[in-house]
Amino acid sequence: MEAVLDGLEEVGLASLSMEAIAARAGVGKATIYRRWSSKEDLVIDVVAGLVGAIPVPLDGDIRTSLIEVLKRFRAFMSKMAAGAVFPWLVGEVAAGTEVGRHYAEAVILPRQQALAGVIQAAVDRGELRADLDVKMAVQLLMGPALMQRLLGPFLEQDEQWEENLVDALLRGWVVGPVWPTG
């Protein structure tokens, strides 16, 4: 795992080779190939192992929970090694490659399902509208978060970004009065 991450940081994904990974790890290539058929599969497994669950706070209101999820997501994408390979993996997902499918199944879909569970729980508590399309709500939250990661260097950074996004979305999702903003 460390050999893959060190290699990714040093030379990037395109230049990383199974030979270099084996040398860094102090093992033979055959040892690596027994478990992974390609560099891409190895990288995805390493990334999936790093990602883990993004804990979702359940002790506050839905606004607080969603803001916290987005803040943790942004920190993960900007400060963790797994976030560094994300743009490459998104291309693989979009292209429908085997690597992309594996990454989506191992990393993206489980996290979407966890977030859907949080939103559904808020619907069940009566905090959000009963007719809310939970799958669409997840996409409306995660789409802008992913764009922030992909376009971040070109965007003006806003310290209140997460709060602003959640407040904008909740205006259409809440049952009662909208949370105060600002």
Foldseek 3Di string as FASTA:
>chain_A
DVLLLVCCVPPNDVPDALCSSCVVVVHDSVVVCVPDVGPLVVLLVVLLVVQPAQDFDQPDAPLVRQLSSLVSLLCCLPPPSSNVCVVVLVVCLVVVHPSNVVNCVRPVVVRLVVQLVSVVVCCVVQFWPVPDPSSVVSCQSVVVSVCCSVCVVVDDDDPCVSSVSSQVVRVRIGDDDGDDDD
